[in-house]
Amino acid sequence: LSTIIVPAGTPGFTVAPGYSKVGWTASDTHELTFDDCRVPAAN
């Protein structure tokens, strides 16, 4: 397992609409998908 930095707006990186939550409704929470999302090896 490794960790990799993915900048916002990277092609293949999709942010789903925000969840409908019971609480913390003024905070930002999403599901994220990565579909052949490419970032530099240096990330």
PDB file of all heavy atoms in Angstrom:
ATOM      1  N   LEU A   1       0.835  -1.200   0.000  1.00  0.00           N
ATOM      2  CA  LEU A   1       0.000   0.000   0.000  1.00  0.00           C
ATOM      3  C   LEU A   1       0.869   1.248   0.000  1.00  0.00           C
ATOM      4  O   LEU A   1       1.834   1.348   0.752  1.00  0.00           O
ATOM      5  CB  LEU A   1      -0.912   0.019   1.226  1.00  0.00           C
ATOM      6  CG  LEU A   1      -1.999  -1.069   1.278  1.00  0.00           C
ATOM      7  CD1 LEU A   1      -2.753  -1.001   2.594  1.00  0.00           C
ATOM      8  CD2 LEU A   1      -2.958  -0.919   0.112  1.00  0.00           C
ATOM      9  N   SER A   2       0.512   2.196  -0.843  1.00  0.00           N
ATOM     10  CA  SER A   2       1.234   3.460  -0.938  1.00  0.00           C
ATOM     11  C   SER A   2       0.214   4.596  -0.968  1.00  0.00           C
ATOM     12  O   SER A   2      -0.984   4.382  -1.165  1.00  0.00           O
ATOM     13  CB  SER A   2       2.106   3.500  -2.207  1.00  0.00           C
ATOM     14  OG  SER A   2       2.994   2.402  -2.251  1.00  0.00           O
ATOM     15  N   THR A   3       0.706   5.803  -0.756  1.00  0.00           N
ATOM     16  CA  THR A   3      -0.165   6.977  -0.825  1.00  0.00           C
ATOM     17  C   THR A   3       0.301   7.887  -1.950  1.00  0.00           C
ATOM     18  O   THR A   3       1.498   8.105  -2.131  1.00  0.00           O
ATOM     19  CB  THR A   3      -0.166   7.747   0.508  1.00  0.00           C
ATOM     20  OG1 THR A   3       1.186   7.972   0.927  1.00  0.00           O
ATOM     21  CG2 THR A   3      -0.880   6.974   1.586  1.00  0.00           C
ATOM     22  N   ILE A   4      -0.660   8.429  -2.688  1.00  0.00           N
ATOM     23  CA  ILE A   4      -0.366   9.202  -3.890  1.00  0.00           C
ATOM     24  C   ILE A   4      -1.207  10.475  -3.884  1.00  0.00           C
ATOM     25  O   ILE A   4      -2.396  10.452  -3.557  1.00  0.00           O
ATOM     26  CB  ILE A   4      -0.680   8.375  -5.155  1.00  0.00           C
ATOM     27  CG1 ILE A   4       0.175   7.094  -5.168  1.00  0.00           C
ATOM     28  CG2 ILE A   4      -0.431   9.185  -6.423  1.00  0.00           C
ATOM     29  CD1 ILE A   4      -0.227   6.103  -6.250  1.00  0.00           C
ATOM     30  N   ILE A   5      -0.593  11.583  -4.248  1.00  0.00           N
ATOM     31  CA  ILE A   5      -1.278  12.869  -4.322  1.00  0.00           C
ATOM     32  C   ILE A   5      -1.996  13.001  -5.669  1.00  0.00           C
ATOM     33  O   ILE A   5      -1.371  12.822  -6.727  1.00  0.00           O
ATOM     34  CB  ILE A   5      -0.278  14.031  -4.158  1.00  0.00           C
ATOM     35  CG1 ILE A   5       0.401  13.960  -2.789  1.00  0.00           C
ATOM     36  CG2 ILE A   5      -0.955  15.373  -4.353  1.00  0.00           C
ATOM     37  CD1 ILE A   5       1.587  14.904  -2.656  1.00  0.00           C
ATOM     38  N   VAL A   6      -3.298  13.306  -5.609  1.00  0.00           N
ATOM     39  CA  VAL A   6      -4.078  13.508  -6.824  1.00  0.00           C
ATOM     40  C   VAL A   6      -4.650  14.923  -6.797  1.00  0.00           C
ATOM     41  O   VAL A   6      -5.536  15.227  -5.991  1.00  0.00           O
ATOM     42  CB  VAL A   6      -5.222  12.490  -6.950  1.00  0.00           C
ATOM     43  CG1 VAL A   6      -6.001  12.717  -8.248  1.00  0.00           C
ATOM     44  CG2 VAL A   6      -4.679  11.066  -6.888  1.00  0.00           C
ATOM     45  N   PRO A   7      -4.170  15.815  -7.635  1.00  0.00           N
ATOM     46  CA  PRO A   7      -4.704  17.184  -7.669  1.00  0.00           C
ATOM     47  C   PRO A   7      -6.158  17.210  -8.121  1.00  0.00           C
ATOM     48  O   PRO A   7      -6.580  16.386  -8.943  1.00  0.00           O
ATOM     49  CB  PRO A   7      -3.797  17.898  -8.672  1.00  0.00           C
ATOM     50  CG  PRO A   7      -2.550  17.072  -8.731  1.00  0.00           C
ATOM     51  CD  PRO A   7      -3.001  15.661  -8.532  1.00  0.00           C
ATOM     52  N   ALA A   8      -6.917  18.153  -7.606  1.00  0.00           N
ATOM     53  CA  ALA A   8      -8.294  18.335  -8.052  1.00  0.00           C
ATOM     54  C   ALA A   8      -8.311  18.668  -9.541  1.00  0.00           C
ATOM     55  O   ALA A   8      -7.434  19.374 -10.042  1.00  0.00           O
ATOM     56  CB  ALA A   8      -8.951  19.456  -7.259  1.00  0.00           C
ATOM     57  N   GLY A   9      -9.287  18.134 -10.253  1.00  0.00           N
ATOM     58  CA  GLY A   9      -9.413  18.413 -11.674  1.00  0.00           C
ATOM     59  C   GLY A   9      -8.620  17.498 -12.571  1.00  0.00           C
ATOM     60  O   GLY A   9      -8.675  17.629 -13.810  1.00  0.00           O
ATOM     61  N   THR A  10      -7.876  16.552 -11.998  1.00  0.00           N
ATOM     62  CA  THR A  10      -7.110  15.615 -12.812  1.00  0.00           C
ATOM     63  C   THR A  10      -8.073  14.749 -13.639  1.00  0.00           C
ATOM     64  O   THR A  10      -9.044  14.206 -13.092  1.00  0.00           O
ATOM     65  CB  THR A  10      -6.244  14.707 -11.924  1.00  0.00           C
ATOM     66  OG1 THR A  10      -5.341  15.507 -11.167  1.00  0.00           O
ATOM     67  CG2 THR A  10      -5.447  13.713 -12.770  1.00  0.00           C
ATOM     68  N   PRO A  11      -7.861  14.600 -14.937  1.00  0.00           N
ATOM     69  CA  PRO A  11      -8.732  13.737 -15.750  1.00  0.00           C
ATOM     70  C   PRO A  11      -8.817  12.332 -15.170  1.00  0.00           C
ATOM     71  O   PRO A  11      -7.807  11.755 -14.760  1.00  0.00           O
ATOM     72  CB  PRO A  11      -8.041  13.740 -17.120  1.00  0.00           C
ATOM     73  CG  PRO A  11      -7.322  15.057 -17.168  1.00  0.00           C
ATOM     74  CD  PRO A  11      -6.827  15.280 -15.765  1.00  0.00           C
ATOM     75  N   GLY A  12     -10.010  11.798 -15.141  1.00  0.00           N
ATOM     76  CA  GLY A  12     -10.221  10.474 -14.572  1.00  0.00           C
ATOM     77  C   GLY A  12     -10.554  10.497 -13.095  1.00  0.00           C
ATOM     78  O   GLY A  12     -10.921   9.461 -12.522  1.00  0.00           O
ATOM     79  N   PHE A  13     -10.438  11.639 -12.452  1.00  0.00           N
ATOM     80  CA  PHE A  13     -10.774  11.811 -11.039  1.00  0.00           C
ATOM     81  C   PHE A  13     -12.133  12.501 -10.966  1.00  0.00           C
ATOM     82  O   PHE A  13     -12.275  13.650 -11.357  1.00  0.00           O
ATOM     83  CB  PHE A  13      -9.686  12.645 -10.363  1.00  0.00           C
ATOM     84  CG  PHE A  13      -9.993  13.074  -8.940  1.00  0.00           C
ATOM     85  CD1 PHE A  13     -10.853  12.358  -8.131  1.00  0.00           C
ATOM     86  CD2 PHE A  13      -9.388  14.207  -8.412  1.00  0.00           C
ATOM     87  CE1 PHE A  13     -11.119  12.758  -6.833  1.00  0.00           C
ATOM     88  CE2 PHE A  13      -9.641  14.623  -7.122  1.00  0.00           C
ATOM     89  CZ  PHE A  13     -10.513  13.903  -6.332  1.00  0.00           C
ATOM     90  N   THR A  14     -13.136  11.771 -10.470  1.00  0.00           N
ATOM     91  CA  THR A  14     -14.505  12.290 -10.427  1.00  0.00           C
ATOM     92  C   THR A  14     -14.989  12.383  -8.991  1.00  0.00           C
ATOM     93  O   THR A  14     -14.849  11.428  -8.209  1.00  0.00           O
ATOM     94  CB  THR A  14     -15.459  11.375 -11.218  1.00  0.00           C
ATOM     95  OG1 THR A  14     -14.993  11.259 -12.563  1.00  0.00           O
ATOM     96  CG2 THR A  14     -16.874  11.935 -11.206  1.00  0.00           C
ATOM     97  N   VAL A  15     -15.558  13.526  -8.664  1.00  0.00           N
ATOM     98  CA  VAL A  15     -16.154  13.753  -7.352  1.00  0.00           C
ATOM     99  C   VAL A  15     -17.668  13.642  -7.484  1.00  0.00           C
ATOM    100  O   VAL A  15     -18.284  14.403  -8.231  1.00  0.00           O
ATOM    101  CB  VAL A  15     -15.776  15.142  -6.798  1.00  0.00           C
ATOM    102  CG1 VAL A  15     -16.408  15.369  -5.424  1.00  0.00           C
ATOM    103  CG2 VAL A  15     -14.259  15.293  -6.722  1.00  0.00           C
ATOM    104  N   ALA A  16     -18.263  12.686  -6.789  1.00  0.00           N
ATOM    105  CA  ALA A  16     -19.712  12.492  -6.855  1.00  0.00           C
ATOM    106  C   ALA A  16     -20.428  13.618  -6.110  1.00  0.00           C
ATOM    107  O   ALA A  16     -19.813  14.336  -5.312  1.00  0.00           O
ATOM    108  CB  ALA A  16     -20.077  11.139  -6.248  1.00  0.00           C
ATOM    109  N   PRO A  17     -21.723  13.799  -6.361  1.00  0.00           N
ATOM    110  CA  PRO A  17     -22.485  14.795  -5.586  1.00  0.00           C
ATOM    111  C   PRO A  17     -22.377  14.511  -4.093  1.00  0.00           C
ATOM    112  O   PRO A  17     -22.173  13.369  -3.672  1.00  0.00           O
ATOM    113  CB  PRO A  17     -23.920  14.601  -6.086  1.00  0.00           C
ATOM    114  CG  PRO A  17     -23.764  14.036  -7.462  1.00  0.00           C
ATOM    115  CD  PRO A  17     -22.555  13.156  -7.391  1.00  0.00           C
ATOM    116  N   GLY A  18     -22.496  15.558  -3.288  1.00  0.00           N
ATOM    117  CA  GLY A  18     -22.382  15.402  -1.847  1.00  0.00           C
ATOM    118  C   GLY A  18     -23.441  14.460  -1.291  1.00  0.00           C
ATOM    119  O   GLY A  18     -24.554  14.346  -1.825  1.00  0.00           O
ATOM    120  N   TYR A  19     -23.091  13.792  -0.200  1.00  0.00           N
ATOM    121  CA  TYR A  19     -24.038  12.892   0.454  1.00  0.00           C
ATOM    122  C   TYR A  19     -25.170  13.678   1.119  1.00  0.00           C
ATOM    123  O   TYR A  19     -24.991  14.814   1.551  1.00  0.00           O
ATOM    124  CB  TYR A  19     -23.328  12.084   1.540  1.00  0.00           C
ATOM    125  CG  TYR A  19     -22.330  11.069   1.066  1.00  0.00           C
ATOM    126  CD1 TYR A  19     -20.960  11.353   1.087  1.00  0.00           C
ATOM    127  CD2 TYR A  19     -22.723   9.811   0.626  1.00  0.00           C
ATOM    128  CE1 TYR A  19     -20.025  10.418   0.671  1.00  0.00           C
ATOM    129  CE2 TYR A  19     -21.786   8.867   0.213  1.00  0.00           C
ATOM    130  CZ  TYR A  19     -20.438   9.171   0.240  1.00  0.00           C
ATOM    131  OH  TYR A  19     -19.515   8.253  -0.165  1.00  0.00           O
ATOM    132  N   SER A  20     -26.314  13.027   1.248  1.00  0.00           N
ATOM    133  CA  SER A  20     -27.382  13.539   2.101  1.00  0.00           C
ATOM    134  C   SER A  20     -27.173  12.928   3.476  1.00  0.00           C
ATOM    135  O   SER A  20     -27.390  11.727   3.677  1.00  0.00           O
ATOM    136  CB  SER A  20     -28.756  13.146   1.538  1.00  0.00           C
ATOM    137  OG  SER A  20     -29.788  13.550   2.413  1.00  0.00           O
ATOM    138  N   LYS A  21     -26.729  13.761   4.428  1.00  0.00           N
ATOM    139  CA  LYS A  21     -26.283  13.246   5.722  1.00  0.00           C
ATOM    140  C   LYS A  21     -27.258  13.585   6.846  1.00  0.00           C
ATOM    141  O   LYS A  21     -27.988  14.567   6.780  1.00  0.00           O
ATOM    142  CB  LYS A  21     -24.904  13.834   6.056  1.00  0.00           C
ATOM    143  CG  LYS A  21     -23.803  13.420   5.097  1.00  0.00           C
ATOM    144  CD  LYS A  21     -22.484  14.116   5.427  1.00  0.00           C
ATOM    145  CE  LYS A  21     -22.559  15.611   5.157  1.00  0.00           C
ATOM    146  NZ  LYS A  21     -21.248  16.272   5.343  1.00  0.00           N
ATOM    147  N   VAL A  22     -27.204  12.770   7.891  1.00  0.00           N
ATOM    148  CA  VAL A  22     -27.994  13.031   9.093  1.00  0.00           C
ATOM    149  C   VAL A  22     -27.458  14.256   9.825  1.00  0.00           C
ATOM    150  O   VAL A  22     -28.216  15.098  10.295  1.00  0.00           O
ATOM    151  CB  VAL A  22     -27.970  11.804  10.028  1.00  0.00           C
ATOM    152  CG1 VAL A  22     -28.616  12.127  11.371  1.00  0.00           C
ATOM    153  CG2 VAL A  22     -28.668  10.621   9.369  1.00  0.00           C
ATOM    154  N   GLY A  23     -26.144  14.346   9.934  1.00  0.00           N
ATOM    155  CA  GLY A  23     -25.506  15.458  10.632  1.00  0.00           C
ATOM    156  C   GLY A  23     -24.326  15.983   9.852  1.00  0.00           C
ATOM    157  O   GLY A  23     -24.077  15.578   8.709  1.00  0.00           O
ATOM    158  N   TRP A  24     -23.596  16.909  10.449  1.00  0.00           N
ATOM    159  CA  TRP A  24     -22.461  17.558   9.789  1.00  0.00           C
ATOM    160  C   TRP A  24     -22.878  18.062   8.398  1.00  0.00           C
ATOM    161  O   TRP A  24     -22.111  17.983   7.435  1.00  0.00           O
ATOM    162  CB  TRP A  24     -21.287  16.599   9.644  1.00  0.00           C
ATOM    163  CG  TRP A  24     -20.515  16.315  10.891  1.00  0.00           C
ATOM    164  CD1 TRP A  24     -20.721  16.816  12.127  1.00  0.00           C
ATOM    165  CD2 TRP A  24     -19.362  15.439  11.006  1.00  0.00           C
ATOM    166  NE1 TRP A  24     -19.791  16.317  13.015  1.00  0.00           N
ATOM    167  CE2 TRP A  24     -18.952  15.473  12.361  1.00  0.00           C
ATOM    168  CE3 TRP A  24     -18.668  14.654  10.104  1.00  0.00           C
ATOM    169  CZ2 TRP A  24     -17.860  14.733  12.833  1.00  0.00           C
ATOM    170  CZ3 TRP A  24     -17.588  13.918  10.565  1.00  0.00           C
ATOM    171  CH2 TRP A  24     -17.184  13.961  11.916  1.00  0.00           C
ATOM    172  N   THR A  25     -24.073  18.597   8.309  1.00  0.00           N
ATOM    173  CA  THR A  25     -24.605  18.920   6.983  1.00  0.00           C
ATOM    174  C   THR A  25     -23.995  20.173   6.366  1.00  0.00           C
ATOM    175  O   THR A  25     -24.214  20.439   5.184  1.00  0.00           O
ATOM    176  CB  THR A  25     -26.136  19.063   7.033  1.00  0.00           C
ATOM    177  OG1 THR A  25     -26.482  20.123   7.933  1.00  0.00           O
ATOM    178  CG2 THR A  25     -26.782  17.776   7.496  1.00  0.00           C
ATOM    179  N   ALA A  26     -23.248  20.951   7.148  1.00  0.00           N
ATOM    180  CA  ALA A  26     -22.557  22.106   6.586  1.00  0.00           C
ATOM    181  C   ALA A  26     -21.096  21.795   6.292  1.00  0.00           C
ATOM    182  O   ALA A  26     -20.310  22.692   5.990  1.00  0.00           O
ATOM    183  CB  ALA A  26     -22.661  23.314   7.525  1.00  0.00           C
ATOM    184  N   SER A  27     -20.727  20.521   6.382  1.00  0.00           N
ATOM    185  CA  SER A  27     -19.383  20.107   5.965  1.00  0.00           C
ATOM    186  C   SER A  27     -19.472  19.410   4.621  1.00  0.00           C
ATOM    187  O   SER A  27     -20.564  19.064   4.153  1.00  0.00           O
ATOM    188  CB  SER A  27     -18.732  19.182   7.003  1.00  0.00           C
ATOM    189  OG  SER A  27     -19.348  17.899   6.986  1.00  0.00           O
ATOM    190  N   ASP A  28     -18.322  19.197   3.996  1.00  0.00           N
ATOM    191  CA  ASP A  28     -18.259  18.689   2.626  1.00  0.00           C
ATOM    192  C   ASP A  28     -17.805  17.235   2.621  1.00  0.00           C
ATOM    193  O   ASP A  28     -16.712  16.923   3.099  1.00  0.00           O
ATOM    194  CB  ASP A  28     -17.272  19.558   1.829  1.00  0.00           C
ATOM    195  CG  ASP A  28     -17.114  19.101   0.401  1.00  0.00           C
ATOM    196  OD1 ASP A  28     -17.991  19.413  -0.418  1.00  0.00           O
ATOM    197  OD2 ASP A  28     -16.101  18.433   0.113  1.00  0.00           O
ATOM    198  N   THR A  29     -18.636  16.327   2.078  1.00  0.00           N
ATOM    199  CA  THR A  29     -18.319  14.903   2.075  1.00  0.00           C
ATOM    200  C   THR A  29     -18.773  14.270   0.766  1.00  0.00           C
ATOM    201  O   THR A  29     -19.921  14.445   0.362  1.00  0.00           O
ATOM    202  CB  THR A  29     -19.022  14.182   3.243  1.00  0.00           C
ATOM    203  OG1 THR A  29     -18.983  14.981   4.413  1.00  0.00           O
ATOM    204  CG2 THR A  29     -18.361  12.839   3.516  1.00  0.00           C
ATOM    205  N   HIS A  30     -17.875  13.507   0.126  1.00  0.00           N
ATOM    206  CA  HIS A  30     -18.188  12.940  -1.188  1.00  0.00           C
ATOM    207  C   HIS A  30     -17.610  11.538  -1.350  1.00  0.00           C
ATOM    208  O   HIS A  30     -16.655  11.153  -0.665  1.00  0.00           O
ATOM    209  CB  HIS A  30     -17.596  13.811  -2.306  1.00  0.00           C
ATOM    210  CG  HIS A  30     -18.109  15.205  -2.334  1.00  0.00           C
ATOM    211  ND1 HIS A  30     -19.175  15.599  -3.118  1.00  0.00           N
ATOM    212  CD2 HIS A  30     -17.694  16.314  -1.669  1.00  0.00           C
ATOM    213  CE1 HIS A  30     -19.396  16.887  -2.928  1.00  0.00           C
ATOM    214  NE2 HIS A  30     -18.516  17.343  -2.062  1.00  0.00           N
ATOM    215  N   GLU A  31     -18.172  10.823  -2.313  1.00  0.00           N
ATOM    216  CA  GLU A  31     -17.540   9.612  -2.839  1.00  0.00           C
ATOM    217  C   GLU A  31     -16.677  10.030  -4.022  1.00  0.00           C
ATOM    218  O   GLU A  31     -17.040  10.934  -4.788  1.00  0.00           O
ATOM    219  CB  GLU A  31     -18.581   8.599  -3.286  1.00  0.00           C
ATOM    220  CG  GLU A  31     -17.964   7.291  -3.781  1.00  0.00           C
ATOM    221  CD  GLU A  31     -18.996   6.201  -4.070  1.00  0.00           C
ATOM    222  OE1 GLU A  31     -20.191   6.415  -3.759  1.00  0.00           O
ATOM    223  OE2 GLU A  31     -18.601   5.151  -4.599  1.00  0.00           O
ATOM    224  N   LEU A  32     -15.512   9.385  -4.158  1.00  0.00           N
ATOM    225  CA  LEU A  32     -14.573   9.706  -5.225  1.00  0.00           C
ATOM    226  C   LEU A  32     -14.351   8.468  -6.089  1.00  0.00           C
ATOM    227  O   LEU A  32     -14.295   7.349  -5.568  1.00  0.00           O
ATOM    228  CB  LEU A  32     -13.229  10.158  -4.648  1.00  0.00           C
ATOM    229  CG  LEU A  32     -13.257  11.213  -3.534  1.00  0.00           C
ATOM    230  CD1 LEU A  32     -11.840  11.485  -3.040  1.00  0.00           C
ATOM    231  CD2 LEU A  32     -13.922  12.486  -4.007  1.00  0.00           C
ATOM    232  N   THR A  33     -14.223   8.662  -7.389  1.00  0.00           N
ATOM    233  CA  THR A  33     -13.876   7.555  -8.270  1.00  0.00           C
ATOM    234  C   THR A  33     -12.667   7.931  -9.109  1.00  0.00           C
ATOM    235  O   THR A  33     -12.465   9.099  -9.464  1.00  0.00           O
ATOM    236  CB  THR A  33     -15.048   7.179  -9.198  1.00  0.00           C
ATOM    237  OG1 THR A  33     -15.426   8.316  -9.977  1.00  0.00           O
ATOM    238  CG2 THR A  33     -16.240   6.682  -8.405  1.00  0.00           C
ATOM    239  N   PHE A  34     -11.874   6.913  -9.436  1.00  0.00           N
ATOM    240  CA  PHE A  34     -10.668   7.088 -10.240  1.00  0.00           C
ATOM    241  C   PHE A  34     -10.717   6.079 -11.382  1.00  0.00           C
ATOM    242  O   PHE A  34     -10.749   4.877 -11.160  1.00  0.00           O
ATOM    243  CB  PHE A  34      -9.414   6.867  -9.380  1.00  0.00           C
ATOM    244  CG  PHE A  34      -9.370   7.754  -8.165  1.00  0.00           C
ATOM    245  CD1 PHE A  34      -9.943   7.350  -6.971  1.00  0.00           C
ATOM    246  CD2 PHE A  34      -8.777   9.005  -8.233  1.00  0.00           C
ATOM    247  CE1 PHE A  34      -9.921   8.173  -5.857  1.00  0.00           C
ATOM    248  CE2 PHE A  34      -8.745   9.839  -7.129  1.00  0.00           C
ATOM    249  CZ  PHE A  34      -9.323   9.423  -5.936  1.00  0.00           C
ATOM    250  N   ASP A  35     -10.763   6.615 -12.588  1.00  0.00           N
ATOM    251  CA  ASP A  35     -10.890   5.784 -13.783  1.00  0.00           C
ATOM    252  C   ASP A  35      -9.719   6.092 -14.713  1.00  0.00           C
ATOM    253  O   ASP A  35      -9.730   7.078 -15.434  1.00  0.00           O
ATOM    254  CB  ASP A  35     -12.224   6.072 -14.469  1.00  0.00           C
ATOM    255  CG  ASP A  35     -12.495   5.168 -15.660  1.00  0.00           C
ATOM    256  OD1 ASP A  35     -11.726   4.193 -15.856  1.00  0.00           O
ATOM    257  OD2 ASP A  35     -13.453   5.439 -16.397  1.00  0.00           O
ATOM    258  N   ASP A  36      -8.703   5.230 -14.663  1.00  0.00           N
ATOM    259  CA  ASP A  36      -7.464   5.480 -15.419  1.00  0.00           C
ATOM    260  C   ASP A  36      -6.965   6.905 -15.182  1.00  0.00           C
ATOM    261  O   ASP A  36      -6.580   7.620 -16.107  1.00  0.00           O
ATOM    262  CB  ASP A  36      -7.681   5.238 -16.919  1.00  0.00           C
ATOM    263  CG  ASP A  36      -7.788   3.759 -17.255  1.00  0.00           C
ATOM    264  OD1 ASP A  36      -7.293   2.937 -16.452  1.00  0.00           O
ATOM    265  OD2 ASP A  36      -8.361   3.422 -18.299  1.00  0.00           O
ATOM    266  N   CYS A  37      -6.983   7.282 -13.929  1.00  0.00           N
ATOM    267  CA  CYS A  37      -6.531   8.624 -13.520  1.00  0.00           C
ATOM    268  C   CYS A  37      -5.004   8.634 -13.469  1.00  0.00           C
ATOM    269  O   CYS A  37      -4.400   7.833 -12.750  1.00  0.00           O
ATOM    270  CB  CYS A  37      -7.121   8.961 -12.158  1.00  0.00           C
ATOM    271  SG  CYS A  37      -6.580  10.525 -11.468  1.00  0.00           S
ATOM    272  N   ARG A  38      -4.397   9.529 -14.223  1.00  0.00           N
ATOM    273  CA  ARG A  38      -2.944   9.571 -14.338  1.00  0.00           C
ATOM    274  C   ARG A  38      -2.357  10.786 -13.616  1.00  0.00           C
ATOM    275  O   ARG A  38      -2.816  11.914 -13.837  1.00  0.00           O
ATOM    276  CB  ARG A  38      -2.524   9.610 -15.807  1.00  0.00           C
ATOM    277  CG  ARG A  38      -2.790   8.314 -16.563  1.00  0.00           C
ATOM    278  CD  ARG A  38      -2.427   8.410 -18.035  1.00  0.00           C
ATOM    279  NE  ARG A  38      -2.548   7.121 -18.701  1.00  0.00           N
ATOM    280  CZ  ARG A  38      -1.553   6.246 -18.826  1.00  0.00           C
ATOM    281  NH1 ARG A  38      -0.335   6.551 -18.365  1.00  0.00           N
ATOM    282  NH2 ARG A  38      -1.745   5.091 -19.430  1.00  0.00           N
ATOM    283  N   VAL A  39      -1.362  10.498 -12.771  1.00  0.00           N
ATOM    284  CA  VAL A  39      -0.619  11.577 -12.108  1.00  0.00           C
ATOM    285  C   VAL A  39       0.863  11.248 -12.208  1.00  0.00           C
ATOM    286  O   VAL A  39       1.260  10.086 -12.386  1.00  0.00           O
ATOM    287  CB  VAL A  39      -1.034  11.726 -10.633  1.00  0.00           C
ATOM    288  CG1 VAL A  39      -2.503  12.086 -10.504  1.00  0.00           C
ATOM    289  CG2 VAL A  39      -0.718  10.461  -9.840  1.00  0.00           C
ATOM    290  N   PRO A  40       1.737  12.240 -12.105  1.00  0.00           N
ATOM    291  CA  PRO A  40       3.177  11.977 -12.201  1.00  0.00           C
ATOM    292  C   PRO A  40       3.666  11.008 -11.130  1.00  0.00           C
ATOM    293  O   PRO A  40       3.137  10.977 -10.014  1.00  0.00           O
ATOM    294  CB  PRO A  40       3.791  13.366 -12.005  1.00  0.00           C
ATOM    295  CG  PRO A  40       2.730  14.323 -12.417  1.00  0.00           C
ATOM    296  CD  PRO A  40       1.439  13.683 -11.992  1.00  0.00           C
ATOM    297  N   ALA A  41       4.690  10.235 -11.470  1.00  0.00           N
ATOM    298  CA  ALA A  41       5.280   9.310 -10.503  1.00  0.00           C
ATOM    299  C   ALA A  41       5.789  10.057  -9.279  1.00  0.00           C
ATOM    300  O   ALA A  41       5.821   9.519  -8.171  1.00  0.00           O
ATOM    301  CB  ALA A  41       6.415   8.525 -11.164  1.00  0.00           C
ATOM    302  N   ALA A  42       6.172  11.325  -9.471  1.00  0.00           N
ATOM    303  CA  ALA A  42       6.677  12.146  -8.366  1.00  0.00           C
ATOM    304  C   ALA A  42       5.599  12.482  -7.346  1.00  0.00           C
ATOM    305  O   ALA A  42       5.905  13.022  -6.280  1.00  0.00           O
ATOM    306  CB  ALA A  42       7.285  13.443  -8.911  1.00  0.00           C
ATOM    307  N   ASN A  43       4.330  12.147  -7.653  1.00  0.00           N
ATOM    308  CA  ASN A  43       3.245  12.407  -6.712  1.00  0.00           C
ATOM    309  C   ASN A  43       3.136  11.342  -5.623  1.00  0.00           C
ATOM    310  O   ASN A  43       2.268  11.427  -4.749  1.00  0.00           O
ATOM    311  CB  ASN A  43       1.905  12.511  -7.449  1.00  0.00           C
ATOM    312  CG  ASN A  43       1.723  13.850  -8.129  1.00  0.00           C
ATOM    313  OD1 ASN A  43       2.699  14.521  -8.458  1.00  0.00           O
ATOM    314  ND2 ASN A  43       0.481  14.244  -8.348  1.00  0.00           N
TER     315      ASN A  43
END
